[in-house]
Every structure is written in structure tokens, then in C-alpha cells.
N, C-alpha and C. Protein backbone atom coordinates (compact mmCIF):
# COMPACT_ATOMS: atom_id res chain seq x y z
N MET A 1 102.22 -63.08 123.17
CA MET A 1 101.81 -62.25 122.15
C MET A 1 101.06 -63.10 121.37
N PRO A 2 99.81 -62.44 120.86
CA PRO A 2 98.97 -63.15 120.02
C PRO A 2 99.45 -63.51 118.50
N HIS A 3 99.10 -64.53 117.87
CA HIS A 3 99.68 -64.77 116.57
C HIS A 3 98.48 -65.06 115.83
N ALA A 4 98.60 -64.69 114.36
CA ALA A 4 97.60 -65.29 113.63
C ALA A 4 98.02 -66.13 112.65
N VAL A 5 97.19 -66.90 112.15
CA VAL A 5 97.73 -67.90 111.13
C VAL A 5 97.22 -67.47 109.67
N THR A 6 98.38 -67.47 108.70
CA THR A 6 97.95 -67.12 107.45
C THR A 6 97.46 -68.23 106.63
N LYS A 7 97.24 -68.08 105.41
CA LYS A 7 96.43 -69.23 104.53
C LYS A 7 97.49 -70.26 104.47
N SER A 8 98.75 -69.96 104.32
CA SER A 8 99.75 -70.93 104.12
C SER A 8 99.98 -71.91 105.42
N GLY A 9 99.48 -71.32 106.60
CA GLY A 9 99.67 -72.01 107.79
C GLY A 9 100.76 -71.46 108.80
N LYS A 10 101.50 -70.41 108.21
CA LYS A 10 102.50 -69.72 108.94
C LYS A 10 101.88 -68.72 110.07
N GLN A 11 102.60 -68.78 111.11
CA GLN A 11 101.93 -67.79 112.32
C GLN A 11 102.55 -66.58 111.94
N VAL A 12 101.83 -65.32 112.06
CA VAL A 12 102.37 -63.99 112.01
C VAL A 12 102.11 -63.22 113.16
N SER A 13 103.10 -62.39 113.66
CA SER A 13 102.78 -61.57 114.92
C SER A 13 101.97 -60.60 114.60
N LYS A 14 101.32 -59.97 115.62
CA LYS A 14 100.18 -58.78 115.50
C LYS A 14 101.15 -57.62 115.02
N SER A 15 102.27 -57.49 115.51
CA SER A 15 102.80 -56.06 114.85
C SER A 15 103.22 -56.23 113.52
N ARG A 16 103.65 -57.47 113.02
CA ARG A 16 103.84 -57.64 111.54
C ARG A 16 102.69 -57.36 110.67
N ARG A 17 101.45 -57.98 111.39
CA ARG A 17 100.08 -57.75 110.59
C ARG A 17 100.01 -56.11 110.44
N SER A 18 100.11 -55.53 111.58
CA SER A 18 99.80 -53.95 111.57
C SER A 18 100.61 -53.30 110.71
N ARG A 19 101.91 -53.69 110.59
CA ARG A 19 102.82 -53.06 109.71
C ARG A 19 102.42 -53.26 108.30
N ALA A 20 102.12 -54.37 107.92
CA ALA A 20 101.88 -54.84 106.52
C ALA A 20 100.44 -54.04 106.36
N LYS A 21 99.45 -53.98 107.19
CA LYS A 21 98.23 -53.26 106.89
C LYS A 21 98.54 -51.75 106.46
N ALA A 22 99.31 -51.14 107.51
CA ALA A 22 99.81 -49.75 107.32
C ALA A 22 100.49 -49.47 106.10
N GLY A 23 101.31 -50.32 105.55
CA GLY A 23 101.88 -50.21 104.16
C GLY A 23 100.82 -50.17 103.16
N ARG A 24 99.76 -50.62 103.37
CA ARG A 24 98.63 -50.66 102.16
C ARG A 24 97.86 -49.52 102.32
N ARG A 25 97.86 -48.74 103.22
CA ARG A 25 97.13 -47.45 103.29
C ARG A 25 97.77 -46.52 102.54
N LYS A 26 96.85 -45.48 102.01
CA LYS A 26 97.59 -44.37 101.32
C LYS A 26 98.05 -43.57 102.42
N SER A 27 99.07 -42.95 102.29
CA SER A 27 99.77 -42.11 103.16
C SER A 27 99.47 -40.66 102.89
N GLU A 28 98.40 -40.24 102.82
CA GLU A 28 97.95 -38.80 102.43
C GLU A 28 97.97 -38.01 103.62
N PRO A 29 98.49 -36.83 103.70
CA PRO A 29 98.27 -36.05 105.00
C PRO A 29 96.84 -35.57 105.11
N ARG A 30 96.43 -35.61 106.15
CA ARG A 30 95.13 -35.03 106.72
C ARG A 30 95.02 -33.79 107.55
N TYR A 31 94.17 -32.88 107.21
CA TYR A 31 94.26 -31.46 107.87
C TYR A 31 92.92 -31.25 108.46
N SER A 32 92.80 -30.51 109.55
CA SER A 32 91.65 -29.95 110.10
C SER A 32 91.60 -28.51 110.04
N VAL A 33 90.64 -27.81 109.43
CA VAL A 33 90.59 -26.50 109.26
C VAL A 33 89.35 -25.88 110.05
N GLY A 34 89.50 -24.66 110.54
CA GLY A 34 88.47 -23.96 111.05
C GLY A 34 88.02 -22.84 110.14
N LEU A 35 86.82 -22.77 109.89
CA LEU A 35 86.47 -21.80 108.93
C LEU A 35 85.46 -20.73 109.58
N PRO A 36 85.71 -19.60 109.23
CA PRO A 36 84.60 -18.48 109.78
C PRO A 36 83.26 -18.93 109.25
N SER A 37 82.34 -18.71 110.24
CA SER A 37 80.99 -19.20 109.91
C SER A 37 80.35 -18.64 108.63
N ASN A 38 80.61 -17.43 108.08
CA ASN A 38 80.03 -16.86 106.76
C ASN A 38 80.76 -17.82 105.74
N ILE A 39 82.01 -18.23 105.84
CA ILE A 39 82.72 -18.96 104.77
C ILE A 39 82.18 -20.49 104.78
N ALA A 40 81.95 -20.88 105.96
CA ALA A 40 81.41 -22.29 106.20
C ALA A 40 80.06 -22.43 105.52
N ARG A 41 79.26 -21.55 105.68
CA ARG A 41 77.85 -21.49 105.18
C ARG A 41 77.97 -21.33 103.58
N ASP A 42 78.98 -20.52 102.98
CA ASP A 42 79.08 -20.41 101.55
C ASP A 42 79.60 -21.93 101.03
N VAL A 43 80.56 -22.57 101.91
CA VAL A 43 81.07 -23.88 101.56
C VAL A 43 79.93 -24.96 101.42
N GLN A 44 79.06 -24.78 102.68
CA GLN A 44 77.92 -25.61 102.56
C GLN A 44 76.91 -25.40 101.25
N LYS A 45 76.69 -24.45 100.84
CA LYS A 45 75.66 -24.06 99.81
C LYS A 45 76.53 -24.66 98.57
N PHE A 46 77.83 -24.53 98.49
CA PHE A 46 78.36 -25.02 97.31
C PHE A 46 78.31 -26.55 97.32
N ALA A 47 78.75 -27.07 98.42
CA ALA A 47 78.75 -28.61 98.59
C ALA A 47 77.28 -29.03 98.11
N GLY A 48 76.25 -28.31 98.80
CA GLY A 48 74.89 -28.80 98.15
C GLY A 48 74.63 -28.70 96.77
N THR A 49 75.16 -27.51 96.10
CA THR A 49 74.93 -27.34 94.76
C THR A 49 75.52 -28.49 93.79
N VAL A 50 76.84 -29.03 94.26
CA VAL A 50 77.50 -29.88 93.50
C VAL A 50 77.25 -31.25 94.00
N ASP A 51 76.44 -31.31 95.09
CA ASP A 51 75.88 -32.62 95.58
C ASP A 51 76.93 -33.43 96.10
N THR A 52 78.06 -32.82 97.02
CA THR A 52 79.07 -33.61 97.53
C THR A 52 79.23 -33.36 99.02
N SER A 53 80.25 -33.96 99.81
CA SER A 53 80.30 -33.51 101.20
C SER A 53 81.09 -32.38 101.25
N MET A 54 81.05 -31.66 102.64
CA MET A 54 81.61 -30.53 102.83
C MET A 54 83.27 -30.57 102.72
N SER A 55 83.82 -31.97 103.10
CA SER A 55 85.24 -32.13 102.75
C SER A 55 85.63 -32.23 101.40
N LYS A 56 85.07 -32.74 100.65
CA LYS A 56 85.20 -32.74 99.15
C LYS A 56 84.83 -31.37 98.69
N ALA A 57 83.96 -30.68 99.11
CA ALA A 57 83.80 -29.24 98.37
C ALA A 57 84.84 -28.40 98.86
N ILE A 58 85.48 -28.41 100.02
CA ILE A 58 86.60 -27.62 100.44
C ILE A 58 87.78 -28.17 99.68
N THR A 59 88.03 -29.43 99.30
CA THR A 59 89.23 -29.86 98.57
C THR A 59 88.77 -29.25 97.12
N MET A 60 87.76 -29.22 96.65
CA MET A 60 87.46 -28.71 95.35
C MET A 60 87.89 -27.35 95.19
N LEU A 61 87.28 -26.56 96.26
CA LEU A 61 87.45 -25.02 96.39
C LEU A 61 89.09 -24.64 96.35
N VAL A 62 89.69 -25.43 97.22
CA VAL A 62 91.22 -25.29 97.29
C VAL A 62 91.80 -25.53 95.96
N ARG A 63 91.47 -26.57 95.14
CA ARG A 63 92.25 -26.83 94.04
C ARG A 63 91.94 -25.82 92.97
N ILE A 64 90.51 -25.30 92.97
CA ILE A 64 90.30 -24.35 92.05
C ILE A 64 91.26 -23.09 92.28
N GLY A 65 91.17 -22.80 93.67
CA GLY A 65 92.06 -21.54 93.92
C GLY A 65 93.56 -21.70 93.55
N LEU A 66 94.09 -22.81 93.86
CA LEU A 66 95.55 -23.06 93.23
C LEU A 66 95.58 -23.15 91.79
N GLU A 67 94.80 -23.62 91.13
CA GLU A 67 94.75 -23.59 89.63
C GLU A 67 94.79 -22.10 89.19
N SER A 68 93.78 -21.19 89.79
CA SER A 68 93.64 -20.02 89.45
C SER A 68 94.85 -19.16 89.72
N GLN A 69 95.41 -19.45 90.67
CA GLN A 69 96.86 -18.58 91.11
C GLN A 69 97.77 -18.98 89.96
N GLU A 70 97.77 -20.23 89.54
CA GLU A 70 98.73 -20.64 88.69
C GLU A 70 98.31 -20.03 87.23
N GLU A 71 97.29 -19.87 86.86
CA GLU A 71 96.75 -19.21 85.68
C GLU A 71 97.11 -17.86 85.63
N ARG A 72 96.97 -17.11 86.96
CA ARG A 72 97.36 -15.60 86.94
C ARG A 72 98.69 -15.42 86.88
N LYS A 73 99.57 -16.36 87.55
CA LYS A 73 101.01 -16.28 87.25
C LYS A 73 101.41 -16.39 85.83
N ARG A 74 100.89 -17.32 85.13
CA ARG A 74 101.28 -17.55 83.81
C ARG A 74 100.94 -16.29 82.97
N ALA A 75 99.55 -15.88 83.08
CA ALA A 75 99.24 -14.55 82.55
C ALA A 75 100.03 -13.48 82.72
N PHE A 76 100.63 -13.47 83.99
CA PHE A 76 101.59 -12.31 84.44
C PHE A 76 102.75 -12.40 83.50
N PHE A 77 103.36 -13.75 83.63
CA PHE A 77 104.72 -13.76 82.93
C PHE A 77 104.57 -13.64 81.27
N GLU A 78 103.44 -14.17 80.68
CA GLU A 78 103.17 -13.87 79.24
C GLU A 78 103.25 -12.50 79.04
N LYS A 79 102.36 -11.66 79.74
CA LYS A 79 102.36 -10.14 79.38
C LYS A 79 103.65 -9.51 79.61
N LEU A 80 104.45 -9.89 80.69
CA LEU A 80 105.73 -9.52 80.85
C LEU A 80 106.74 -9.50 79.66
N ARG A 81 106.64 -10.84 79.14
CA ARG A 81 107.41 -11.28 77.97
C ARG A 81 107.00 -10.37 76.74
N GLU A 82 105.79 -10.36 76.61
CA GLU A 82 105.17 -9.57 75.40
C GLU A 82 105.61 -8.18 75.47
N ASN A 83 105.82 -7.62 76.57
CA ASN A 83 105.98 -6.11 76.70
C ASN A 83 107.11 -5.83 77.27
N LEU A 84 108.20 -6.54 77.17
CA LEU A 84 109.54 -6.05 78.03
C LEU A 84 110.20 -5.16 77.05
N ALA A 85 110.09 -5.20 75.87
CA ALA A 85 110.74 -3.98 75.10
C ALA A 85 109.89 -2.75 74.83
N SER A 86 108.88 -2.64 75.53
CA SER A 86 108.03 -1.26 75.24
C SER A 86 108.83 -0.13 75.88
N ASP A 87 109.05 0.94 75.07
CA ASP A 87 109.77 2.13 75.32
C ASP A 87 108.84 3.29 75.68
N ASP A 88 107.62 2.91 75.43
CA ASP A 88 106.51 4.12 75.61
C ASP A 88 106.18 4.28 77.16
N PRO A 89 106.39 5.25 77.66
CA PRO A 89 106.24 5.59 79.24
C PRO A 89 104.81 5.40 79.57
N LYS A 90 103.83 5.65 78.73
CA LYS A 90 102.45 5.53 78.89
C LYS A 90 102.06 4.17 78.97
N ARG A 91 102.75 3.40 78.00
CA ARG A 91 102.47 1.97 77.99
C ARG A 91 102.95 1.26 79.28
N GLN A 92 104.19 1.60 79.49
CA GLN A 92 104.75 1.13 80.92
C GLN A 92 103.96 1.40 82.10
N ASP A 93 103.23 2.59 82.29
CA ASP A 93 102.51 2.80 83.30
C ASP A 93 101.26 1.94 83.21
N GLN A 94 100.63 1.68 81.99
CA GLN A 94 99.58 0.90 81.85
C GLN A 94 99.82 -0.42 82.21
N LEU A 95 101.17 -0.97 81.94
CA LEU A 95 101.44 -2.31 82.29
C LEU A 95 101.73 -2.50 83.75
N VAL A 96 102.24 -1.70 84.44
CA VAL A 96 102.37 -1.67 85.82
C VAL A 96 101.13 -1.82 86.51
N ASP A 97 100.09 -1.04 85.92
CA ASP A 97 98.74 -1.23 86.66
C ASP A 97 98.24 -2.52 86.44
N GLU A 98 98.44 -3.20 85.11
CA GLU A 98 97.85 -4.46 84.74
C GLU A 98 98.46 -5.45 85.68
N PHE A 99 99.82 -5.45 85.58
CA PHE A 99 100.56 -6.30 86.56
C PHE A 99 100.25 -6.32 88.03
N ARG A 100 100.07 -5.03 88.47
CA ARG A 100 99.37 -5.02 89.88
C ARG A 100 98.14 -5.69 90.14
N ALA A 101 97.25 -5.50 89.34
CA ALA A 101 96.01 -6.23 89.22
C ALA A 101 96.16 -7.56 89.23
N LEU A 102 96.94 -8.22 88.07
CA LEU A 102 97.21 -9.62 88.17
C LEU A 102 97.75 -10.19 89.41
N ILE A 103 98.87 -9.49 89.88
CA ILE A 103 99.37 -9.98 91.26
C ILE A 103 98.59 -9.97 92.40
N LEU A 104 97.85 -8.82 92.56
CA LEU A 104 96.86 -8.73 93.92
C LEU A 104 95.60 -9.07 93.50
N GLY A 105 95.23 -9.69 92.41
CA GLY A 105 93.91 -10.08 92.10
C GLY A 105 92.87 -9.06 92.03
N GLN A 106 93.26 -7.67 91.93
CA GLN A 106 92.13 -6.73 91.84
C GLN A 106 91.72 -6.32 90.57
């Protein structure tokens, strides 16, 4: 088995070097995604607009989408808390419509 010599003169086996190297790498999961051609074109335009790679553009768009979802959820619960005590049936119907729009994004 090949051995490397460290600065201190010790011999280190290749497998130990590989494990040490692997420990230094970020252990972030990586994914491959397939995009419909129309969405891929939109992402490519966005990437050009913000002067970044397609991969980074996809990351940015996913992050924006997740943050938007969290904001919609917060807005939903805020409105719900504000209007829980409403006894007016018309107001309740209006709230149901508003909540439906918040939940479904319409």
C-alpha cells in the first residue's frame, strides 16, 4: 500500500489521507433537477439578469420561494389571531376568502 510522508516525517497510509481530506469537505447534499424547457429558459434569463450561474440562480429562486411561503404562513396566522373573536357572519365569510387566497396563493 502506498504511503505518503508528512512534514514531521511520519508515514500516512492513503486511506487515512482520504479520510482526513473527506473530513475537511463540506458535507452539503447535492441534487440534480430536471426543469421543463420553459422554466429553464426563465431561469436562464434570471441568471443573466443577476449575472450568476444557472445553479446559483436556481438556489436563489428556491430560497425566495421558501421565504415567501414562510411569510404567507405568518400573515395567515396573524390575520387568524386578529380575527378569531369576530362574530359577524359577513366578516367570517370575508376571512375565509382571505385565508383561502393566502393558503392557495390566489
